Each structure stands twice: as C-alpha cells, then as structure tokens.
C-alpha atoms as a PDB file:
ATOM      1  CA  UNK A   1     103.221  60.623  88.684  1.00  0.00           C
ATOM      2  CA  UNK A   2     102.863  60.584  84.870  1.00  0.00           C
ATOM      3  CA  UNK A   3      99.463  58.842  85.135  1.00  0.00           C
ATOM      4  CA  UNK A   4      98.301  61.522  87.578  1.00  0.00           C
ATOM      5  CA  UNK A   5      99.537  64.330  85.316  1.00  0.00           C
ATOM      6  CA  UNK A   6      97.671  62.821  82.368  1.00  0.00           C
ATOM      7  CA  UNK A   7      94.388  63.556  84.178  1.00  0.00           C
ATOM      8  CA  UNK A   8      95.215  67.269  84.338  1.00  0.00           C
ATOM      9  CA  UNK A   9      97.433  68.082  81.326  1.00  0.00           C
ATOM     10  CA  UNK A  10      97.267  67.770  77.532  1.00  0.00           C
ATOM     11  CA  UNK A  11      98.759  64.368  76.626  1.00  0.00           C
ATOM     12  CA  UNK A  12     101.830  65.725  74.782  1.00  0.00           C
ATOM     13  CA  UNK A  13     102.703  68.016  77.701  1.00  0.00           C
ATOM     14  CA  UNK A  14     102.977  65.213  80.282  1.00  0.00           C
ATOM     15  CA  UNK A  15     106.521  64.000  79.521  1.00  0.00           C
ATOM     16  CA  UNK A  16     108.211  67.458  79.325  1.00  0.00           C
ATOM     17  CA  UNK A  17     106.316  68.641  82.442  1.00  0.00           C
ATOM     18  CA  UNK A  18     107.324  65.494  84.332  1.00  0.00           C
ATOM     19  CA  UNK A  19     110.957  66.150  83.342  1.00  0.00           C
ATOM     20  CA  UNK A  20     110.707  69.754  84.660  1.00  0.00           C
ATOM     21  CA  UNK A  21     109.229  68.488  87.949  1.00  0.00           C
ATOM     22  CA  UNK A  22     112.044  65.953  88.393  1.00  0.00           C
ATOM     23  CA  UNK A  23     114.831  68.340  87.293  1.00  0.00           C
ATOM     24  CA  UNK A  24     113.689  71.007  89.755  1.00  0.00           C
ATOM     25  CA  UNK A  25     112.807  68.594  92.593  1.00  0.00           C
ATOM     26  CA  UNK A  26     109.246  69.884  92.776  1.00  0.00           C
ATOM     27  CA  UNK A  27     106.860  68.489  95.352  1.00  0.00           C
ATOM     28  CA  UNK A  28     103.568  68.951  93.445  1.00  0.00           C
ATOM     29  CA  UNK A  29     100.229  68.986  95.242  1.00  0.00           C
ATOM     30  CA  UNK A  30      96.966  69.138  93.316  1.00  0.00           C
ATOM     31  CA  UNK A  31      94.419  70.755  95.620  1.00  0.00           C
ATOM     32  CA  UNK A  32      90.742  71.613  95.806  1.00  0.00           C
ATOM     33  CA  UNK A  33      89.877  74.951  94.268  1.00  0.00           C
ATOM     34  CA  UNK A  34      90.960  78.149  95.982  1.00  0.00           C
ATOM     35  CA  UNK A  35      89.044  81.155  94.725  1.00  0.00           C
ATOM     36  CA  UNK A  36      91.851  83.670  95.046  1.00  0.00           C
ATOM     37  CA  UNK A  37      94.580  81.809  93.126  1.00  0.00           C
ATOM     38  CA  UNK A  38      95.149  79.081  90.551  1.00  0.00           C
ATOM     39  CA  UNK A  39      98.491  77.958  91.964  1.00  0.00           C
ATOM     40  CA  UNK A  40     101.202  78.665  94.490  1.00  0.00           C
ATOM     41  CA  UNK A  41     104.946  78.123  94.973  1.00  0.00           C
ATOM     42  CA  UNK A  42     106.884  78.155  98.216  1.00  0.00           C
ATOM     43  CA  UNK A  43     110.089  76.737  99.561  1.00  0.00           C
ATOM     44  CA  UNK A  44     109.119  74.705 102.611  1.00  0.00           C
ATOM     45  CA  UNK A  45     110.971  74.711 105.941  1.00  0.00           C
ATOM     46  CA  UNK A  46     112.705  71.488 104.895  1.00  0.00           C
ATOM     47  CA  UNK A  47     114.043  73.206 101.765  1.00  0.00           C
ATOM     48  CA  UNK A  48     111.549  71.327  99.549  1.00  0.00           C
ATOM     49  CA  UNK A  49     110.077  73.193  96.589  1.00  0.00           C
ATOM     50  CA  UNK A  50     106.304  72.946  97.067  1.00  0.00           C
ATOM     51  CA  UNK A  51     103.917  73.815  94.254  1.00  0.00           C
ATOM     52  CA  UNK A  52     100.149  73.580  94.553  1.00  0.00           C
ATOM     53  CA  UNK A  53      97.756  73.821  91.597  1.00  0.00           C
ATOM     54  CA  UNK A  54      93.950  73.812  91.662  1.00  0.00           C
ATOM     55  CA  UNK A  55      92.467  70.505  90.524  1.00  0.00           C
ATOM     56  CA  UNK A  56      89.466  72.304  88.978  1.00  0.00           C
ATOM     57  CA  UNK A  57      91.461  74.041  86.203  1.00  0.00           C
ATOM     58  CA  UNK A  58      91.011  72.897  82.613  1.00  0.00           C
ATOM     59  CA  UNK A  59      94.062  71.161  81.110  1.00  0.00           C
ATOM     60  CA  UNK A  60      95.391  74.255  79.304  1.00  0.00           C
ATOM     61  CA  UNK A  61      95.030  76.582  82.292  1.00  0.00           C
ATOM     62  CA  UNK A  62      96.525  73.863  84.530  1.00  0.00           C
ATOM     63  CA  UNK A  63      99.592  73.682  82.258  1.00  0.00           C
ATOM     64  CA  UNK A  64     100.064  77.479  82.163  1.00  0.00           C
ATOM     65  CA  UNK A  65      99.627  77.702  85.958  1.00  0.00           C
ATOM     66  CA  UNK A  66     102.076  74.886  86.691  1.00  0.00           C
ATOM     67  CA  UNK A  67     104.750  76.389  84.395  1.00  0.00           C
ATOM     68  CA  UNK A  68     104.067  79.823  85.976  1.00  0.00           C
ATOM     69  CA  UNK A  69     104.843  78.378  89.432  1.00  0.00           C
ATOM     70  CA  UNK A  70     107.903  76.402  88.242  1.00  0.00           C
ATOM     71  CA  UNK A  71     109.155  79.699  86.736  1.00  0.00           C
ATOM     72  CA  UNK A  72     109.040  81.254  90.229  1.00  0.00           C
ATOM     73  CA  UNK A  73     111.185  78.423  91.582  1.00  0.00           C
ATOM     74  CA  UNK A  74     113.697  78.550  88.695  1.00  0.00           C
ATOM     75  CA  UNK A  75     113.943  82.369  88.760  1.00  0.00           C
ATOM     76  CA  UNK A  76     114.518  82.453  92.533  1.00  0.00           C
ATOM     77  CA  UNK A  77     117.156  79.717  92.287  1.00  0.00           C
ATOM     78  CA  UNK A  78     118.945  81.400  89.383  1.00  0.00           C
ATOM     79  CA  UNK A  79     118.667  85.102  90.261  1.00  0.00           C
ATOM     80  CA  UNK A  80     118.314  84.994  94.065  1.00  0.00           C
ATOM     81  CA  UNK A  81     115.460  85.503  96.501  1.00  0.00           C
ATOM     82  CA  UNK A  82     115.510  89.309  96.307  1.00  0.00           C
ATOM     83  CA  UNK A  83     113.963  89.560  92.834  1.00  0.00           C
ATOM     84  CA  UNK A  84     110.377  90.798  92.417  1.00  0.00           C
ATOM     85  CA  UNK A  85     107.961  87.838  92.244  1.00  0.00           C
ATOM     86  CA  UNK A  86     106.671  88.892  88.794  1.00  0.00           C
ATOM     87  CA  UNK A  87     109.601  91.040  87.716  1.00  0.00           C
ATOM     88  CA  UNK A  88     111.851  90.869  84.663  1.00  0.00           C
ATOM     89  CA  UNK A  89     113.715  87.744  85.798  1.00  0.00           C
ATOM     90  CA  UNK A  90     110.500  85.802  86.339  1.00  0.00           C
ATOM     91  CA  UNK A  91     109.043  86.982  82.985  1.00  0.00           C
ATOM     92  CA  UNK A  92     112.191  85.881  81.177  1.00  0.00           C
ATOM     93  CA  UNK A  93     112.147  82.486  82.947  1.00  0.00           C
ATOM     94  CA  UNK A  94     108.409  81.966  82.335  1.00  0.00           C
ATOM     95  CA  UNK A  95     108.876  82.721  78.606  1.00  0.00           C
ATOM     96  CA  UNK A  96     111.818  80.319  78.326  1.00  0.00           C
ATOM     97  CA  UNK A  97     109.939  77.512  80.090  1.00  0.00           C
ATOM     98  CA  UNK A  98     106.623  78.069  78.297  1.00  0.00           C
ATOM     99  CA  UNK A  99     107.730  78.513  74.676  1.00  0.00           C
ATOM    100  CA  UNK A 100     108.425  74.774  74.082  1.00  0.00           C
ATOM    101  CA  UNK A 101     104.782  74.062  75.006  1.00  0.00           C
ATOM    102  CA  UNK A 102     103.230  76.596  72.586  1.00  0.00           C
ATOM    103  CA  UNK A 103     102.720  74.180  69.717  1.00  0.00           C
ATOM    104  CA  UNK A 104      99.738  72.508  68.003  1.00  0.00           C
ATOM    105  CA  UNK A 105     100.318  69.089  69.611  1.00  0.00           C
ATOM    106  CA  UNK A 106      99.576  70.660  72.989  1.00  0.00           C
ATOM    107  CA  UNK A 107      97.245  73.644  72.470  1.00  0.00           C
ATOM    108  CA  UNK A 108      94.341  74.017  70.008  1.00  0.00           C
ATOM    109  CA  UNK A 109      95.381  76.020  66.924  1.00  0.00           C
ATOM    110  CA  UNK A 110      93.153  79.013  67.694  1.00  0.00           C
ATOM    111  CA  UNK A 111      94.878  79.485  71.093  1.00  0.00           C
ATOM    112  CA  UNK A 112      98.425  79.538  69.669  1.00  0.00           C
ATOM    113  CA  UNK A 113      98.471  83.178  68.423  1.00  0.00           C
ATOM    114  CA  UNK A 114      96.883  84.364  71.701  1.00  0.00           C
ATOM    115  CA  UNK A 115      99.517  82.500  73.727  1.00  0.00           C
ATOM    116  CA  UNK A 116     102.337  83.778  71.514  1.00  0.00           C
ATOM    117  CA  UNK A 117     101.124  87.353  72.057  1.00  0.00           C
ATOM    118  CA  UNK A 118     100.681  86.866  75.816  1.00  0.00           C
ATOM    119  CA  UNK A 119     104.146  85.379  76.278  1.00  0.00           C
ATOM    120  CA  UNK A 120     105.905  88.296  74.595  1.00  0.00           C
ATOM    121  CA  UNK A 121     105.418  89.975  77.970  1.00  0.00           C
ATOM    122  CA  UNK A 122     103.683  87.587  80.387  1.00  0.00           C
ATOM    123  CA  UNK A 123     101.579  89.109  83.148  1.00  0.00           C
ATOM    124  CA  UNK A 124     101.411  88.023  86.786  1.00  0.00           C
ATOM    125  CA  UNK A 125      98.167  86.236  85.881  1.00  0.00           C
ATOM    126  CA  UNK A 126      96.890  85.054  82.504  1.00  0.00           C
ATOM    127  CA  UNK A 127      93.477  86.180  83.830  1.00  0.00           C
ATOM    128  CA  UNK A 128      94.473  89.824  83.275  1.00  0.00           C
ATOM    129  CA  UNK A 129      94.773  89.094  79.541  1.00  0.00           C
ATOM    130  CA  UNK A 130      91.041  89.272  78.800  1.00  0.00           C
ATOM    131  CA  UNK A 131      91.238  87.775  75.297  1.00  0.00           C
ATOM    132  CA  UNK A 132      93.316  84.812  76.455  1.00  0.00           C
ATOM    133  CA  UNK A 133      91.208  84.308  79.610  1.00  0.00           C
ATOM    134  CA  UNK A 134      88.007  84.213  77.549  1.00  0.00           C
ATOM    135  CA  UNK A 135      89.557  81.791  75.039  1.00  0.00           C
ATOM    136  CA  UNK A 136      90.715  79.496  77.871  1.00  0.00           C
ATOM    137  CA  UNK A 137      87.314  79.697  79.606  1.00  0.00           C
ATOM    138  CA  UNK A 138      85.628  77.801  76.766  1.00  0.00           C
ATOM    139  CA  UNK A 139      87.446  74.653  77.994  1.00  0.00           C
ATOM    140  CA  UNK A 140      86.154  74.989  81.574  1.00  0.00           C
ATOM    141  CA  UNK A 141      83.386  72.770  82.868  1.00  0.00           C
ATOM    142  CA  UNK A 142      80.063  74.525  82.458  1.00  0.00           C
ATOM    143  CA  UNK A 143      79.107  76.746  85.379  1.00  0.00           C
ATOM    144  CA  UNK A 144      76.654  79.539  86.069  1.00  0.00           C
ATOM    145  CA  UNK A 145      79.329  82.232  86.298  1.00  0.00           C
ATOM    146  CA  UNK A 146      79.819  85.258  84.034  1.00  0.00           C
ATOM    147  CA  UNK A 147      82.736  87.589  83.557  1.00  0.00           C
ATOM    148  CA  UNK A 148      82.023  91.120  84.763  1.00  0.00           C
ATOM    149  CA  UNK A 149      82.689  92.589  81.317  1.00  0.00           C
ATOM    150  CA  UNK A 150      79.938  90.332  79.856  1.00  0.00           C
ATOM    151  CA  UNK A 151      77.130  91.559  82.105  1.00  0.00           C
ATOM    152  CA  UNK A 152      75.169  94.770  81.433  1.00  0.00           C
ATOM    153  CA  UNK A 153      75.834  98.070  83.213  1.00  0.00           C
ATOM    154  CA  UNK A 154      73.767  98.256  86.412  1.00  0.00           C
ATOM    155  CA  UNK A 155      73.561  94.468  86.822  1.00  0.00           C
ATOM    156  CA  UNK A 156      73.526  93.028  90.313  1.00  0.00           C
ATOM    157  CA  UNK A 157      75.907  90.143  91.007  1.00  0.00           C
ATOM    158  CA  UNK A 158      77.255  87.970  93.808  1.00  0.00           C
ATOM    159  CA  UNK A 159      80.914  87.047  94.360  1.00  0.00           C
ATOM    160  CA  UNK A 160      82.397  83.905  95.944  1.00  0.00           C
ATOM    161  CA  UNK A 161      82.125  85.198  99.539  1.00  0.00           C
ATOM    162  CA  UNK A 162      78.401  85.985  99.186  1.00  0.00           C
ATOM    163  CA  UNK A 163      78.739  89.796  98.949  1.00  0.00           C
ATOM    164  CA  UNK A 164      76.407  91.463  96.460  1.00  0.00           C
ATOM    165  CA  UNK A 165      77.443  94.294  94.125  1.00  0.00           C
ATOM    166  CA  UNK A 166      76.071  96.451  91.350  1.00  0.00           C
ATOM    167  CA  UNK A 167      78.176  96.945  88.250  1.00  0.00           C
ATOM    168  CA  UNK A 168      79.178 100.514  87.440  1.00  0.00           C
ATOM    169  CA  UNK A 169      81.370 102.239  84.872  1.00  0.00           C
ATOM    170  CA  UNK A 170      84.683 101.084  83.447  1.00  0.00           C
ATOM    171  CA  UNK A 171      87.545 103.108  84.937  1.00  0.00           C
ATOM    172  CA  UNK A 172      90.708 102.696  82.833  1.00  0.00           C
ATOM    173  CA  UNK A 173      90.970  98.886  83.014  1.00  0.00           C
ATOM    174  CA  UNK A 174      88.652  97.933  85.880  1.00  0.00           C
ATOM    175  CA  UNK A 175      84.960  98.276  86.688  1.00  0.00           C
ATOM    176  CA  UNK A 176      83.686 100.375  89.589  1.00  0.00           C
ATOM    177  CA  UNK A 177      81.132  98.299  91.471  1.00  0.00           C
ATOM    178  CA  UNK A 178      79.192  99.251  94.598  1.00  0.00           C
ATOM    179  CA  UNK A 179      78.719  96.731  97.383  1.00  0.00           C
ATOM    180  CA  UNK A 180      75.005  97.081  98.095  1.00  0.00           C
ATOM    181  CA  UNK A 181      75.061  96.530 101.877  1.00  0.00           C
ATOM    182  CA  UNK A 182      77.906  98.976 102.706  1.00  0.00           C
ATOM    183  CA  UNK A 183      77.590 101.300  99.656  1.00  0.00           C
ATOM    184  CA  UNK A 184      81.399 101.111  99.331  1.00  0.00           C
ATOM    185  CA  UNK A 185      83.024 101.236  95.908  1.00  0.00           C
ATOM    186  CA  UNK A 186      85.285  98.387  94.746  1.00  0.00           C
ATOM    187  CA  UNK A 187      87.268  97.896  91.545  1.00  0.00           C
ATOM    188  CA  UNK A 188      86.933  94.599  89.658  1.00  0.00           C
ATOM    189  CA  UNK A 189      89.021  93.099  86.889  1.00  0.00           C
ATOM    190  CA  UNK A 190      86.928  92.761  83.689  1.00  0.00           C
ATOM    191  CA  UNK A 191      87.222  88.972  83.820  1.00  0.00           C
ATOM    192  CA  UNK A 192      86.443  88.414  87.485  1.00  0.00           C
ATOM    193  CA  UNK A 193      83.911  85.564  87.537  1.00  0.00           C
ATOM    194  CA  UNK A 194      80.647  86.456  89.231  1.00  0.00           C
ATOM    195  CA  UNK A 195      77.122  85.115  89.612  1.00  0.00           C
ATOM    196  CA  UNK A 196      74.552  87.333  87.894  1.00  0.00           C
ATOM    197  CA  UNK A 197      71.439  87.906  90.029  1.00  0.00           C
ATOM    198  CA  UNK A 198      67.934  88.732  88.776  1.00  0.00           C
ATOM    199  CA  UNK A 199      66.749  92.181  89.848  1.00  0.00           C
END
C-alpha cells in the first residue's frame, strides 16, 4: 500500500496517511477521473469504509482530497450520521486531520500560507477557494483547459459533456453563461475548467 501511495502523494505524507488509512480501516480505491468530483466516501453495505480518489489529481490535490474524505468518515463516526456533510463537525475534523500535513516537507513553501488561510474555515471543495485552486493547478499535468475567470467576457467555451456556452457577467461569486443551443442561463464557479473555443 505504501508503494502505491508514493505514486500519488508527496513522499513525507505517505507514512502519516498510511497510518490514518489503517487506523480508520479505510478501503481506498484510486479510480479513473470523474469530472464532477475529486473523491468520495461511503460506508458500504458490509460496513466497510470506502473512499475513492481520482488517479489524475496532482500529489497535493490528491492529499487534500484524501484527507477531506477521511474527515467525513471520522466526523460521522465521532458525531453521528445526522450531521451535515460539510457542517461544523466536518470542518473541525478536516482542520484537525489536515494541520499536521501543512508543513514545508510536504507542500511547497508558497502554498503554505494559502493552505493555512483555507483551513481556518475549510470549504466543501478546495476548488471554491480560487487563489488556492489556481496555485494547486500549476502542479497539474498540462492540458488545454482554462478556468472561466481567465477567459474574456463573451468567450465561447465547451464543458466536459460537450455543451457549448458563452461567458457573461459575474453575478456575486459566479458567472452567468448562456448555453448556445437552448439559450438557457447557467451559473458557473469562477474556477470551473472549460475548453475555450475560437469564434
């Protein structure tokens, strides 16, 4: 298991992560990329704690995602199944589990202040923290995707399911974008990854 983890995690995170997996009896599956989520936790019918994480994540995002999912397991076990999935109990648990990893042996120095700020009040997804998401993106394998906030107003783009949109105005925290075939309006997170199309 440790050799497998070494392929996906920063070297100095492998031992403490392995210990968390063993202590919480996690059945970890590393899966092909799912567009809608980085990871998932569920208690299987057999009572096994099953966590899946996308294989395509860079090592830092993989670590954050895995700890995020272990925090769900620990919070449910400690506080009961009736808590909100990303409520106060989960935030507290995620902070407690993540803080030992926020150190220069594991993360590059320039990420440490961004992580420290994010984990004062962790969100349901690190993707909603635009500054952190952009900083983590630099470690991804190169692809032809852009974040919505990076592309000019009026740009035409395609999303993972093939639908084509035109970028509109920022409304509070999300961008209004029109799907060109139906003319319906959709709201997009600033750091949704999209494929920019020439027009």
